[in-house]
């Protein structure tokens, strides 16, 4: 299912979520129904994130490579593609060049 190109009627806390010395930055989107998403940018590099809740990562622009916890191989994702991360898990994400823009939905 395609992800949205615009998200209306959300609250956005002003403070950004800044990781890895500013190389990964996102903003939280709070929906009236209580659901939460983050919308962000990843600069070139390799990063590891842990998850509490299950997540869906939609790649909005750019490209990345992802390795889910426990899997030996990296998988590539481009704009318009998505991947799911289980809860209480982790994943590595790498951007080789340019920026990768993403929308993360907490499931």
N, C-alpha and C. Protein backbone atom coordinates (compact mmCIF):
# COMPACT_ATOMS: atom_id res chain seq x y z
N UNK A 1 0.85 -1.17 0.00
CA UNK A 1 0.00 0.00 0.00
C UNK A 1 0.89 1.23 0.00
N UNK A 2 0.65 2.21 -0.88
CA UNK A 2 1.50 3.40 -0.92
C UNK A 2 1.35 4.23 0.35
N UNK A 3 2.43 4.87 0.72
CA UNK A 3 2.37 5.72 1.91
C UNK A 3 2.01 7.14 1.49
N UNK A 4 1.60 7.96 2.45
CA UNK A 4 1.10 9.30 2.11
C UNK A 4 2.21 10.23 1.62
N UNK A 5 1.82 11.20 0.80
CA UNK A 5 2.76 12.24 0.39
C UNK A 5 2.57 13.50 1.23
N UNK A 6 1.51 13.52 2.03
CA UNK A 6 1.23 14.63 2.94
C UNK A 6 0.48 14.07 4.14
N UNK A 7 0.79 14.61 5.31
CA UNK A 7 0.12 14.17 6.53
C UNK A 7 -0.54 15.38 7.17
N UNK A 8 -1.85 15.36 7.25
CA UNK A 8 -2.61 16.49 7.78
C UNK A 8 -3.03 16.23 9.22
N UNK A 9 -3.35 17.30 9.92
CA UNK A 9 -3.95 17.27 11.25
C UNK A 9 -3.15 16.44 12.25
N UNK A 10 -1.88 16.83 12.41
CA UNK A 10 -1.02 16.20 13.41
C UNK A 10 -0.44 17.30 14.31
N UNK A 11 -0.04 16.88 15.49
CA UNK A 11 0.72 17.77 16.37
C UNK A 11 2.19 17.39 16.22
N UNK A 12 3.05 18.39 16.20
CA UNK A 12 4.47 18.15 16.02
C UNK A 12 5.24 18.85 17.14
N UNK A 13 5.81 18.08 18.07
CA UNK A 13 6.66 18.71 19.07
C UNK A 13 7.81 19.45 18.37
N UNK A 14 8.17 20.60 18.87
CA UNK A 14 9.18 21.43 18.22
C UNK A 14 10.58 20.82 18.29
N UNK A 15 10.90 20.15 19.37
CA UNK A 15 12.23 19.56 19.55
C UNK A 15 12.43 18.38 18.62
N UNK A 16 13.52 18.40 17.87
CA UNK A 16 13.87 17.30 16.97
C UNK A 16 14.47 16.14 17.75
N UNK A 17 14.38 14.96 17.17
CA UNK A 17 15.08 13.77 17.67
C UNK A 17 16.41 13.73 16.91
N UNK A 18 17.51 13.91 17.60
CA UNK A 18 18.82 14.00 16.95
C UNK A 18 19.68 12.83 17.42
N UNK A 19 20.20 12.07 16.46
CA UNK A 19 21.02 10.89 16.74
C UNK A 19 22.35 10.99 16.00
N UNK A 20 23.35 10.30 16.53
CA UNK A 20 24.64 10.15 15.87
C UNK A 20 25.23 11.51 15.44
N UNK A 21 25.34 12.41 16.42
CA UNK A 21 25.93 13.74 16.18
C UNK A 21 25.25 14.50 15.05
N UNK A 22 23.93 14.34 14.93
CA UNK A 22 23.17 15.08 13.93
C UNK A 22 23.11 14.44 12.56
N UNK A 23 23.64 13.23 12.42
CA UNK A 23 23.62 12.58 11.11
C UNK A 23 22.29 11.90 10.82
N UNK A 24 21.47 11.70 11.86
CA UNK A 24 20.10 11.21 11.71
C UNK A 24 19.21 12.14 12.53
N UNK A 25 18.24 12.77 11.88
CA UNK A 25 17.36 13.73 12.55
C UNK A 25 15.92 13.44 12.14
N UNK A 26 15.02 13.43 13.12
CA UNK A 26 13.62 13.23 12.81
C UNK A 26 12.75 14.14 13.68
N UNK A 27 11.51 14.28 13.27
CA UNK A 27 10.49 14.98 14.05
C UNK A 27 9.33 14.02 14.28
N UNK A 28 8.76 14.09 15.47
CA UNK A 28 7.65 13.23 15.85
C UNK A 28 6.34 13.83 15.38
N UNK A 29 5.47 12.98 14.84
CA UNK A 29 4.13 13.36 14.42
C UNK A 29 3.15 12.64 15.33
N UNK A 30 2.32 13.39 16.05
CA UNK A 30 1.34 12.81 16.97
C UNK A 30 -0.05 12.98 16.36
N UNK A 31 -0.75 11.86 16.19
CA UNK A 31 -2.07 11.86 15.58
C UNK A 31 -3.15 11.90 16.66
N UNK A 32 -4.33 12.40 16.31
CA UNK A 32 -5.45 12.52 17.25
C UNK A 32 -5.88 11.17 17.81
N UNK A 33 -5.68 10.10 17.04
CA UNK A 33 -6.07 8.76 17.50
C UNK A 33 -5.04 8.13 18.43
N UNK A 34 -3.97 8.87 18.75
CA UNK A 34 -2.94 8.37 19.65
C UNK A 34 -1.76 7.70 18.96
N UNK A 35 -1.85 7.50 17.66
CA UNK A 35 -0.74 6.88 16.94
C UNK A 35 0.40 7.89 16.76
N UNK A 36 1.58 7.36 16.49
CA UNK A 36 2.78 8.19 16.39
C UNK A 36 3.61 7.75 15.19
N UNK A 37 4.21 8.73 14.54
CA UNK A 37 5.15 8.49 13.45
C UNK A 37 6.34 9.43 13.65
N UNK A 38 7.42 9.12 12.97
CA UNK A 38 8.52 10.08 12.88
C UNK A 38 8.85 10.26 11.40
N UNK A 39 9.28 11.46 11.07
CA UNK A 39 9.63 11.83 9.70
C UNK A 39 11.05 12.37 9.75
N UNK A 40 11.97 11.76 9.00
CA UNK A 40 13.35 12.17 9.19
C UNK A 40 14.26 12.01 7.99
N UNK A 41 15.52 12.38 8.24
CA UNK A 41 16.60 12.35 7.25
C UNK A 41 17.78 11.58 7.82
N UNK A 42 18.44 10.82 6.95
CA UNK A 42 19.65 10.09 7.33
C UNK A 42 20.75 10.49 6.37
N UNK A 43 21.87 10.97 6.93
CA UNK A 43 23.03 11.30 6.13
C UNK A 43 23.87 10.05 5.91
N UNK A 44 24.82 10.09 4.96
CA UNK A 44 25.65 8.92 4.70
C UNK A 44 26.34 8.40 5.97
N UNK A 45 26.37 7.07 6.08
CA UNK A 45 26.99 6.39 7.21
C UNK A 45 26.21 5.13 7.54
N UNK A 46 26.68 4.41 8.56
CA UNK A 46 25.99 3.22 9.05
C UNK A 46 25.57 3.44 10.49
N UNK A 47 24.32 3.07 10.82
CA UNK A 47 23.75 3.36 12.13
C UNK A 47 22.98 2.14 12.63
N UNK A 48 22.94 1.98 13.94
CA UNK A 48 22.18 0.88 14.55
C UNK A 48 21.12 1.47 15.47
N UNK A 49 19.88 0.98 15.32
CA UNK A 49 18.76 1.41 16.15
C UNK A 49 18.11 0.21 16.81
N UNK A 50 17.65 0.39 18.03
CA UNK A 50 16.86 -0.61 18.73
C UNK A 50 15.40 -0.19 18.66
N UNK A 51 14.50 -1.18 18.70
CA UNK A 51 13.07 -0.89 18.65
C UNK A 51 12.40 -1.39 19.93
N UNK A 52 11.37 -0.67 20.35
CA UNK A 52 10.50 -1.12 21.41
C UNK A 52 9.27 -1.74 20.78
N UNK A 53 8.52 -0.90 20.07
CA UNK A 53 7.32 -1.34 19.34
C UNK A 53 7.72 -1.74 17.92
N UNK A 54 6.90 -2.56 17.26
CA UNK A 54 7.14 -2.84 15.84
C UNK A 54 7.05 -1.55 15.02
N UNK A 55 7.83 -1.48 13.96
CA UNK A 55 7.89 -0.28 13.12
C UNK A 55 7.81 -0.65 11.65
N UNK A 56 7.24 0.26 10.88
CA UNK A 56 7.32 0.20 9.42
C UNK A 56 8.08 1.43 8.96
N UNK A 57 9.12 1.21 8.19
CA UNK A 57 9.92 2.30 7.65
C UNK A 57 9.62 2.43 6.16
N UNK A 58 9.04 3.57 5.79
CA UNK A 58 8.78 3.89 4.39
C UNK A 58 9.88 4.81 3.92
N UNK A 59 10.52 4.46 2.83
CA UNK A 59 11.58 5.30 2.28
C UNK A 59 10.92 6.31 1.35
N UNK A 60 11.01 7.58 1.72
CA UNK A 60 10.35 8.67 1.00
C UNK A 60 11.21 9.14 -0.17
N UNK A 61 12.53 9.24 0.04
CA UNK A 61 13.45 9.68 -1.01
C UNK A 61 14.83 9.11 -0.71
N UNK A 62 15.61 8.90 -1.77
CA UNK A 62 16.96 8.37 -1.59
C UNK A 62 16.96 6.85 -1.51
N UNK A 63 18.07 6.32 -1.03
CA UNK A 63 18.28 4.88 -0.94
C UNK A 63 18.96 4.54 0.38
N UNK A 64 18.78 3.29 0.80
CA UNK A 64 19.48 2.82 1.99
C UNK A 64 19.65 1.31 1.88
N UNK A 65 20.49 0.79 2.76
CA UNK A 65 20.63 -0.64 2.95
C UNK A 65 20.26 -0.93 4.39
N UNK A 66 19.63 -2.08 4.63
CA UNK A 66 19.15 -2.42 5.97
C UNK A 66 19.51 -3.87 6.29
N UNK A 67 19.92 -4.08 7.53
CA UNK A 67 20.13 -5.44 8.03
C UNK A 67 19.36 -5.57 9.34
N UNK A 68 18.36 -6.44 9.33
CA UNK A 68 17.57 -6.67 10.54
C UNK A 68 18.36 -7.55 11.50
N UNK A 69 18.11 -7.38 12.80
CA UNK A 69 18.79 -8.17 13.82
C UNK A 69 18.65 -9.66 13.53
N UNK A 70 19.76 -10.36 13.65
CA UNK A 70 19.75 -11.81 13.46
C UNK A 70 19.89 -12.27 12.02
N UNK A 71 19.86 -11.35 11.07
CA UNK A 71 20.00 -11.73 9.66
C UNK A 71 21.41 -11.38 9.18
N UNK A 72 22.00 -12.25 8.34
CA UNK A 72 23.38 -12.00 7.92
C UNK A 72 23.52 -10.99 6.78
N UNK A 73 22.47 -10.83 5.96
CA UNK A 73 22.60 -10.04 4.74
C UNK A 73 21.90 -8.69 4.82
N UNK A 74 22.43 -7.75 4.07
CA UNK A 74 21.84 -6.43 3.90
C UNK A 74 20.84 -6.49 2.75
N UNK A 75 19.76 -5.71 2.84
CA UNK A 75 18.79 -5.56 1.76
C UNK A 75 18.70 -4.09 1.39
N UNK A 76 18.58 -3.81 0.10
CA UNK A 76 18.50 -2.43 -0.36
C UNK A 76 17.05 -1.97 -0.51
N UNK A 77 16.84 -0.69 -0.21
CA UNK A 77 15.51 -0.08 -0.32
C UNK A 77 15.67 1.29 -0.98
N UNK A 78 14.74 1.60 -1.88
CA UNK A 78 14.73 2.88 -2.58
C UNK A 78 13.42 3.59 -2.29
N UNK A 79 13.34 4.84 -2.73
CA UNK A 79 12.13 5.64 -2.55
C UNK A 79 10.92 4.85 -3.04
N UNK A 80 9.86 4.85 -2.22
CA UNK A 80 8.65 4.13 -2.55
C UNK A 80 8.59 2.73 -1.97
N UNK A 81 9.68 2.27 -1.37
CA UNK A 81 9.70 0.93 -0.77
C UNK A 81 9.67 1.05 0.75
N UNK A 82 9.36 -0.06 1.42
CA UNK A 82 9.30 -0.04 2.88
C UNK A 82 9.78 -1.37 3.43
N UNK A 83 10.08 -1.36 4.73
CA UNK A 83 10.45 -2.59 5.43
C UNK A 83 9.89 -2.51 6.85
N UNK A 84 9.65 -3.68 7.44
CA UNK A 84 9.12 -3.77 8.79
C UNK A 84 10.20 -4.26 9.74
N UNK A 85 10.18 -3.73 10.94
CA UNK A 85 11.11 -4.13 11.99
C UNK A 85 10.29 -4.63 13.17
N UNK A 86 10.57 -5.84 13.66
CA UNK A 86 9.82 -6.35 14.81
C UNK A 86 10.06 -5.50 16.06
N UNK A 87 9.13 -5.58 17.00
CA UNK A 87 9.32 -4.92 18.29
C UNK A 87 10.39 -5.62 19.10
N UNK A 88 10.95 -4.91 20.07
CA UNK A 88 12.02 -5.45 20.92
C UNK A 88 13.11 -6.10 20.09
N UNK A 89 13.56 -5.38 19.08
CA UNK A 89 14.56 -5.88 18.16
C UNK A 89 15.55 -4.76 17.85
N UNK A 90 16.24 -4.89 16.74
CA UNK A 90 17.19 -3.86 16.30
C UNK A 90 17.38 -3.99 14.80
N UNK A 91 17.95 -2.95 14.22
CA UNK A 91 18.31 -2.99 12.80
C UNK A 91 19.45 -2.03 12.56
N UNK A 92 20.20 -2.33 11.51
CA UNK A 92 21.25 -1.43 11.05
C UNK A 92 20.76 -0.83 9.75
N UNK A 93 21.05 0.45 9.57
CA UNK A 93 20.68 1.13 8.32
C UNK A 93 21.90 1.89 7.83
N UNK A 94 22.16 1.80 6.53
CA UNK A 94 23.32 2.44 5.93
C UNK A 94 22.87 3.26 4.72
N UNK A 95 23.42 4.44 4.62
CA UNK A 95 23.22 5.31 3.46
C UNK A 95 24.59 5.52 2.85
N UNK A 96 24.74 5.16 1.59
CA UNK A 96 26.05 5.24 0.95
C UNK A 96 26.36 6.62 0.39
N UNK A 97 25.34 7.32 -0.11
CA UNK A 97 25.55 8.69 -0.59
C UNK A 97 24.23 9.43 -0.62
N UNK A 98 24.31 10.74 -0.61
CA UNK A 98 23.10 11.57 -0.60
C UNK A 98 22.37 11.44 0.72
N UNK A 99 21.11 11.83 0.72
CA UNK A 99 20.25 11.72 1.89
C UNK A 99 19.21 10.65 1.68
N UNK A 100 18.82 10.00 2.76
CA UNK A 100 17.68 9.08 2.75
C UNK A 100 16.61 9.72 3.62
N UNK A 101 15.43 9.92 3.07
CA UNK A 101 14.30 10.47 3.83
C UNK A 101 13.34 9.33 4.14
N UNK A 102 12.81 9.33 5.37
CA UNK A 102 11.94 8.22 5.78
C UNK A 102 10.75 8.69 6.59
N UNK A 103 9.74 7.84 6.61
CA UNK A 103 8.58 7.99 7.46
C UNK A 103 8.49 6.70 8.27
N UNK A 104 8.62 6.79 9.58
CA UNK A 104 8.55 5.62 10.44
C UNK A 104 7.20 5.62 11.16
N UNK A 105 6.47 4.52 10.98
CA UNK A 105 5.18 4.36 11.65
C UNK A 105 5.33 3.31 12.73
N UNK A 106 4.88 3.63 13.94
CA UNK A 106 4.94 2.69 15.04
C UNK A 106 3.66 1.88 15.02
N UNK A 107 3.80 0.57 14.86
CA UNK A 107 2.65 -0.32 14.64
C UNK A 107 2.08 -0.88 15.93
